[in-house]
């Protein structure tokens, strides 16, 4: 790979709707959050980062076991944007050419889909399912400074409106939010 890509998993959410730590809840014989960790561990990237809440040793250990640098988010209640900002700051410190952003509660994302995102040469690339733009997404170096100022739960939606897209089946981008989502 010609670009220095840093992979980032956003895993600091409190899972209020779930009623417990959904990322540690079993799905197909492993914790939910481990699925994306395994997928990203197979990618040829310069570094792997996971944003986790301070003090959640189970999440920390899960991602560290797969070669991730874990970054503690001291204020996860500030939303996904704050976690994304932490990851972008760290990626800039690693001299990243691009930041590949994934969510920890999307276990069906495949290596092939992530490679398809990485293959697109554009400042921003996003997954599109139906008419919805959703993570995973890739942000080029020129967008990283803007990502460092994000807050709230809207993340980087405004940057993804004009992004190139890679189409995905809805089953691929399904996220797990409540106990009823688990088989």
C-alpha atoms as a PDB file:
ATOM      1  CA  UNK A   1       0.000   0.000   0.000  1.00  0.00           C
ATOM      2  CA  UNK A   2       1.438   3.368  -1.035  1.00  0.00           C
ATOM      3  CA  UNK A   3      -0.400   5.416   1.596  1.00  0.00           C
ATOM      4  CA  UNK A   4       0.313   5.382   5.313  1.00  0.00           C
ATOM      5  CA  UNK A   5      -3.163   4.390   6.561  1.00  0.00           C
ATOM      6  CA  UNK A   6      -4.102   4.323  10.228  1.00  0.00           C
ATOM      7  CA  UNK A   7      -7.167   2.247  11.169  1.00  0.00           C
ATOM      8  CA  UNK A   8      -9.389   3.562  13.942  1.00  0.00           C
ATOM      9  CA  UNK A   9     -12.179   1.793  15.850  1.00  0.00           C
ATOM     10  CA  UNK A  10     -14.624   3.946  17.766  1.00  0.00           C
ATOM     11  CA  UNK A  11     -15.400   1.872  20.865  1.00  0.00           C
ATOM     12  CA  UNK A  12     -16.094   4.431  23.594  1.00  0.00           C
ATOM     13  CA  UNK A  13     -19.890   4.435  23.533  1.00  0.00           C
ATOM     14  CA  UNK A  14     -21.767   3.747  26.748  1.00  0.00           C
ATOM     15  CA  UNK A  15     -24.356   1.407  25.141  1.00  0.00           C
ATOM     16  CA  UNK A  16     -27.192   2.950  27.165  1.00  0.00           C
ATOM     17  CA  UNK A  17     -29.856   1.379  24.935  1.00  0.00           C
ATOM     18  CA  UNK A  18     -28.238  -2.023  25.461  1.00  0.00           C
ATOM     19  CA  UNK A  19     -28.225  -1.925  29.246  1.00  0.00           C
ATOM     20  CA  UNK A  20     -24.666  -3.217  29.609  1.00  0.00           C
ATOM     21  CA  UNK A  21     -21.394  -3.491  27.725  1.00  0.00           C
ATOM     22  CA  UNK A  22     -22.646  -4.564  24.325  1.00  0.00           C
ATOM     23  CA  UNK A  23     -19.139  -4.726  22.868  1.00  0.00           C
ATOM     24  CA  UNK A  24     -18.365  -7.562  25.287  1.00  0.00           C
ATOM     25  CA  UNK A  25     -21.679  -9.354  24.627  1.00  0.00           C
ATOM     26  CA  UNK A  26     -21.123 -12.629  22.742  1.00  0.00           C
ATOM     27  CA  UNK A  27     -21.905 -12.902  19.055  1.00  0.00           C
ATOM     28  CA  UNK A  28     -20.856 -16.037  17.165  1.00  0.00           C
ATOM     29  CA  UNK A  29     -18.695 -17.240  20.068  1.00  0.00           C
ATOM     30  CA  UNK A  30     -16.724 -14.017  20.594  1.00  0.00           C
ATOM     31  CA  UNK A  31     -17.385 -10.547  21.993  1.00  0.00           C
ATOM     32  CA  UNK A  32     -19.169  -8.221  19.563  1.00  0.00           C
ATOM     33  CA  UNK A  33     -16.254  -5.761  19.471  1.00  0.00           C
ATOM     34  CA  UNK A  34     -13.735  -8.465  18.637  1.00  0.00           C
ATOM     35  CA  UNK A  35     -15.177  -9.008  15.151  1.00  0.00           C
ATOM     36  CA  UNK A  36     -13.941  -5.675  13.775  1.00  0.00           C
ATOM     37  CA  UNK A  37     -10.659  -6.048  15.681  1.00  0.00           C
ATOM     38  CA  UNK A  38      -9.956  -9.327  13.882  1.00  0.00           C
ATOM     39  CA  UNK A  39     -10.928  -7.891  10.504  1.00  0.00           C
ATOM     40  CA  UNK A  40      -8.704  -4.833  10.917  1.00  0.00           C
ATOM     41  CA  UNK A  41      -5.813  -6.940  12.214  1.00  0.00           C
ATOM     42  CA  UNK A  42      -5.724  -8.602   8.784  1.00  0.00           C
ATOM     43  CA  UNK A  43      -5.310  -5.308   6.890  1.00  0.00           C
ATOM     44  CA  UNK A  44      -1.963  -3.904   5.745  1.00  0.00           C
ATOM     45  CA  UNK A  45      -2.131  -0.635   7.706  1.00  0.00           C
ATOM     46  CA  UNK A  46       0.569   1.391   9.461  1.00  0.00           C
ATOM     47  CA  UNK A  47      -1.197   1.378  12.834  1.00  0.00           C
ATOM     48  CA  UNK A  48      -4.413   0.302  14.527  1.00  0.00           C
ATOM     49  CA  UNK A  49      -6.092   2.509  17.131  1.00  0.00           C
ATOM     50  CA  UNK A  50      -9.121   1.942  19.347  1.00  0.00           C
ATOM     51  CA  UNK A  51     -10.860   4.680  21.318  1.00  0.00           C
ATOM     52  CA  UNK A  52     -12.236   3.226  24.553  1.00  0.00           C
ATOM     53  CA  UNK A  53     -13.714   4.769  27.697  1.00  0.00           C
ATOM     54  CA  UNK A  54     -11.305   5.329  30.577  1.00  0.00           C
ATOM     55  CA  UNK A  55     -11.335   2.420  32.995  1.00  0.00           C
ATOM     56  CA  UNK A  56     -12.964  -0.160  30.716  1.00  0.00           C
ATOM     57  CA  UNK A  57     -10.256  -2.795  30.992  1.00  0.00           C
ATOM     58  CA  UNK A  58     -12.288  -5.430  29.138  1.00  0.00           C
ATOM     59  CA  UNK A  59     -12.454  -3.304  25.983  1.00  0.00           C
ATOM     60  CA  UNK A  60      -8.868  -2.161  26.413  1.00  0.00           C
ATOM     61  CA  UNK A  61      -7.638  -5.743  26.693  1.00  0.00           C
ATOM     62  CA  UNK A  62      -9.771  -6.938  23.775  1.00  0.00           C
ATOM     63  CA  UNK A  63      -8.284  -4.431  21.323  1.00  0.00           C
ATOM     64  CA  UNK A  64      -4.749  -4.571  22.730  1.00  0.00           C
ATOM     65  CA  UNK A  65      -4.762  -8.348  22.222  1.00  0.00           C
ATOM     66  CA  UNK A  66      -5.193  -7.721  18.488  1.00  0.00           C
ATOM     67  CA  UNK A  67      -2.333  -5.230  18.200  1.00  0.00           C
ATOM     68  CA  UNK A  68      -4.275  -1.995  18.701  1.00  0.00           C
ATOM     69  CA  UNK A  69      -2.995   1.044  20.516  1.00  0.00           C
ATOM     70  CA  UNK A  70      -5.807   1.921  22.899  1.00  0.00           C
ATOM     71  CA  UNK A  71      -6.563   5.597  23.448  1.00  0.00           C
ATOM     72  CA  UNK A  72      -8.608   6.431  26.513  1.00  0.00           C
ATOM     73  CA  UNK A  73     -11.516   8.792  26.020  1.00  0.00           C
ATOM     74  CA  UNK A  74     -12.031  10.551  29.363  1.00  0.00           C
ATOM     75  CA  UNK A  75     -15.380  11.991  28.255  1.00  0.00           C
ATOM     76  CA  UNK A  76     -17.194   9.497  26.036  1.00  0.00           C
ATOM     77  CA  UNK A  77     -20.489  11.218  26.853  1.00  0.00           C
ATOM     78  CA  UNK A  78     -19.366  14.003  24.488  1.00  0.00           C
ATOM     79  CA  UNK A  79     -20.256  11.665  21.635  1.00  0.00           C
ATOM     80  CA  UNK A  80     -18.728  10.024  18.618  1.00  0.00           C
ATOM     81  CA  UNK A  81     -17.262  13.292  17.356  1.00  0.00           C
ATOM     82  CA  UNK A  82     -15.024  13.603  20.411  1.00  0.00           C
ATOM     83  CA  UNK A  83     -13.742  10.051  19.941  1.00  0.00           C
ATOM     84  CA  UNK A  84     -13.113  10.703  16.275  1.00  0.00           C
ATOM     85  CA  UNK A  85     -11.209  13.879  17.183  1.00  0.00           C
ATOM     86  CA  UNK A  86      -8.968  11.919  19.571  1.00  0.00           C
ATOM     87  CA  UNK A  87      -8.242   9.352  16.879  1.00  0.00           C
ATOM     88  CA  UNK A  88      -7.513  11.995  14.239  1.00  0.00           C
ATOM     89  CA  UNK A  89      -5.066  13.772  16.562  1.00  0.00           C
ATOM     90  CA  UNK A  90      -3.256  10.528  17.180  1.00  0.00           C
ATOM     91  CA  UNK A  91      -3.222   9.675  13.459  1.00  0.00           C
ATOM     92  CA  UNK A  92      -1.717  13.063  12.658  1.00  0.00           C
ATOM     93  CA  UNK A  93       1.007  12.338  15.217  1.00  0.00           C
ATOM     94  CA  UNK A  94       1.693   9.114  13.323  1.00  0.00           C
ATOM     95  CA  UNK A  95       2.027  11.068  10.050  1.00  0.00           C
ATOM     96  CA  UNK A  96      -0.968   9.289   8.536  1.00  0.00           C
ATOM     97  CA  UNK A  97      -1.907   9.840   4.923  1.00  0.00           C
ATOM     98  CA  UNK A  98      -5.401   8.553   5.659  1.00  0.00           C
ATOM     99  CA  UNK A  99      -7.594   7.479   8.559  1.00  0.00           C
ATOM    100  CA  UNK A 100      -9.874   4.456   8.138  1.00  0.00           C
ATOM    101  CA  UNK A 101     -12.723   4.793  10.649  1.00  0.00           C
ATOM    102  CA  UNK A 102     -14.829   1.824  11.778  1.00  0.00           C
ATOM    103  CA  UNK A 103     -17.444   1.325  14.478  1.00  0.00           C
ATOM    104  CA  UNK A 104     -16.982  -1.431  17.053  1.00  0.00           C
ATOM    105  CA  UNK A 105     -20.636  -2.508  16.854  1.00  0.00           C
ATOM    106  CA  UNK A 106     -20.566  -3.421  13.142  1.00  0.00           C
ATOM    107  CA  UNK A 107     -19.345  -7.031  13.227  1.00  0.00           C
ATOM    108  CA  UNK A 108     -20.109  -7.960   9.617  1.00  0.00           C
ATOM    109  CA  UNK A 109     -17.738  -5.534   7.904  1.00  0.00           C
ATOM    110  CA  UNK A 110     -15.423  -7.554   5.691  1.00  0.00           C
ATOM    111  CA  UNK A 111     -11.784  -7.211   4.789  1.00  0.00           C
ATOM    112  CA  UNK A 112     -12.794  -6.984   1.109  1.00  0.00           C
ATOM    113  CA  UNK A 113     -15.087  -4.047   1.816  1.00  0.00           C
ATOM    114  CA  UNK A 114     -12.347  -2.205   3.707  1.00  0.00           C
ATOM    115  CA  UNK A 115      -9.879  -2.880   0.892  1.00  0.00           C
ATOM    116  CA  UNK A 116     -12.426  -1.454  -1.566  1.00  0.00           C
ATOM    117  CA  UNK A 117     -12.578   1.750   0.503  1.00  0.00           C
ATOM    118  CA  UNK A 118      -8.776   1.926   0.568  1.00  0.00           C
ATOM    119  CA  UNK A 119      -8.617   1.474  -3.212  1.00  0.00           C
ATOM    120  CA  UNK A 120     -10.510   4.719  -3.908  1.00  0.00           C
ATOM    121  CA  UNK A 121      -8.267   7.732  -4.431  1.00  0.00           C
ATOM    122  CA  UNK A 122     -10.275  10.611  -2.965  1.00  0.00           C
ATOM    123  CA  UNK A 123     -10.109  12.961   0.046  1.00  0.00           C
ATOM    124  CA  UNK A 124     -13.024  11.086   1.642  1.00  0.00           C
ATOM    125  CA  UNK A 125     -14.646   7.732   0.925  1.00  0.00           C
ATOM    126  CA  UNK A 126     -17.720   6.396   2.695  1.00  0.00           C
ATOM    127  CA  UNK A 127     -19.798   3.254   2.694  1.00  0.00           C
ATOM    128  CA  UNK A 128     -23.219   3.633   1.112  1.00  0.00           C
ATOM    129  CA  UNK A 129     -26.046   1.236   1.809  1.00  0.00           C
ATOM    130  CA  UNK A 130     -29.343   2.052   0.190  1.00  0.00           C
ATOM    131  CA  UNK A 131     -29.413   5.841   0.391  1.00  0.00           C
ATOM    132  CA  UNK A 132     -27.555   5.965   3.685  1.00  0.00           C
ATOM    133  CA  UNK A 133     -23.920   6.940   4.091  1.00  0.00           C
ATOM    134  CA  UNK A 134     -22.390   5.159   7.033  1.00  0.00           C
ATOM    135  CA  UNK A 135     -19.060   4.036   8.440  1.00  0.00           C
ATOM    136  CA  UNK A 136     -16.661   2.587   7.640  1.00  0.00           C
ATOM    137  CA  UNK A 137     -15.188   5.674   6.055  1.00  0.00           C
ATOM    138  CA  UNK A 138     -11.771   6.843   4.949  1.00  0.00           C
ATOM    139  CA  UNK A 139     -10.487  10.379   5.471  1.00  0.00           C
ATOM    140  CA  UNK A 140      -7.409  11.678   3.679  1.00  0.00           C
ATOM    141  CA  UNK A 141      -4.645  13.702   5.297  1.00  0.00           C
ATOM    142  CA  UNK A 142      -6.165  17.029   4.194  1.00  0.00           C
ATOM    143  CA  UNK A 143      -9.275  16.346   6.314  1.00  0.00           C
ATOM    144  CA  UNK A 144      -7.544  15.209   9.500  1.00  0.00           C
ATOM    145  CA  UNK A 145      -7.147  18.731  10.969  1.00  0.00           C
ATOM    146  CA  UNK A 146     -10.885  19.301  10.610  1.00  0.00           C
ATOM    147  CA  UNK A 147     -11.624  15.975  12.303  1.00  0.00           C
ATOM    148  CA  UNK A 148      -9.626  17.028  15.361  1.00  0.00           C
ATOM    149  CA  UNK A 149     -12.218  19.703  16.159  1.00  0.00           C
ATOM    150  CA  UNK A 150     -15.294  17.447  16.122  1.00  0.00           C
ATOM    151  CA  UNK A 151     -17.701  17.054  19.031  1.00  0.00           C
ATOM    152  CA  UNK A 152     -21.161  15.576  19.509  1.00  0.00           C
ATOM    153  CA  UNK A 153     -22.813  12.526  18.005  1.00  0.00           C
ATOM    154  CA  UNK A 154     -22.904  13.656  14.396  1.00  0.00           C
ATOM    155  CA  UNK A 155     -19.268  12.798  13.834  1.00  0.00           C
ATOM    156  CA  UNK A 156     -18.056  13.748  10.382  1.00  0.00           C
ATOM    157  CA  UNK A 157     -21.336  13.554   8.442  1.00  0.00           C
ATOM    158  CA  UNK A 158     -20.777  16.978   6.934  1.00  0.00           C
ATOM    159  CA  UNK A 159     -17.493  15.779   5.405  1.00  0.00           C
ATOM    160  CA  UNK A 160     -19.110  12.665   3.996  1.00  0.00           C
ATOM    161  CA  UNK A 161     -21.836  14.417   1.997  1.00  0.00           C
ATOM    162  CA  UNK A 162     -19.440  14.944  -0.914  1.00  0.00           C
ATOM    163  CA  UNK A 163     -17.357  11.798  -0.364  1.00  0.00           C
ATOM    164  CA  UNK A 164     -16.868   9.086  -2.936  1.00  0.00           C
ATOM    165  CA  UNK A 165     -18.856   5.960  -2.097  1.00  0.00           C
ATOM    166  CA  UNK A 166     -18.381   2.217  -1.961  1.00  0.00           C
ATOM    167  CA  UNK A 167     -21.701   0.371  -2.005  1.00  0.00           C
ATOM    168  CA  UNK A 168     -22.441  -2.269   0.617  1.00  0.00           C
ATOM    169  CA  UNK A 169     -25.302  -4.641   1.268  1.00  0.00           C
ATOM    170  CA  UNK A 170     -27.376  -3.561   4.317  1.00  0.00           C
ATOM    171  CA  UNK A 171     -26.442  -6.793   6.128  1.00  0.00           C
ATOM    172  CA  UNK A 172     -22.777  -5.813   5.925  1.00  0.00           C
ATOM    173  CA  UNK A 173     -23.264  -2.496   7.743  1.00  0.00           C
ATOM    174  CA  UNK A 174     -25.773  -3.670  10.315  1.00  0.00           C
ATOM    175  CA  UNK A 175     -24.955  -2.392  13.782  1.00  0.00           C
ATOM    176  CA  UNK A 176     -26.006  -3.893  17.083  1.00  0.00           C
ATOM    177  CA  UNK A 177     -27.688  -1.545  19.574  1.00  0.00           C
ATOM    178  CA  UNK A 178     -30.128  -3.546  21.697  1.00  0.00           C
ATOM    179  CA  UNK A 179     -30.277  -7.116  23.054  1.00  0.00           C
ATOM    180  CA  UNK A 180     -32.959  -7.866  20.439  1.00  0.00           C
ATOM    181  CA  UNK A 181     -30.369  -7.270  17.691  1.00  0.00           C
ATOM    182  CA  UNK A 182     -28.434 -10.354  18.805  1.00  0.00           C
ATOM    183  CA  UNK A 183     -29.450 -13.793  17.518  1.00  0.00           C
END
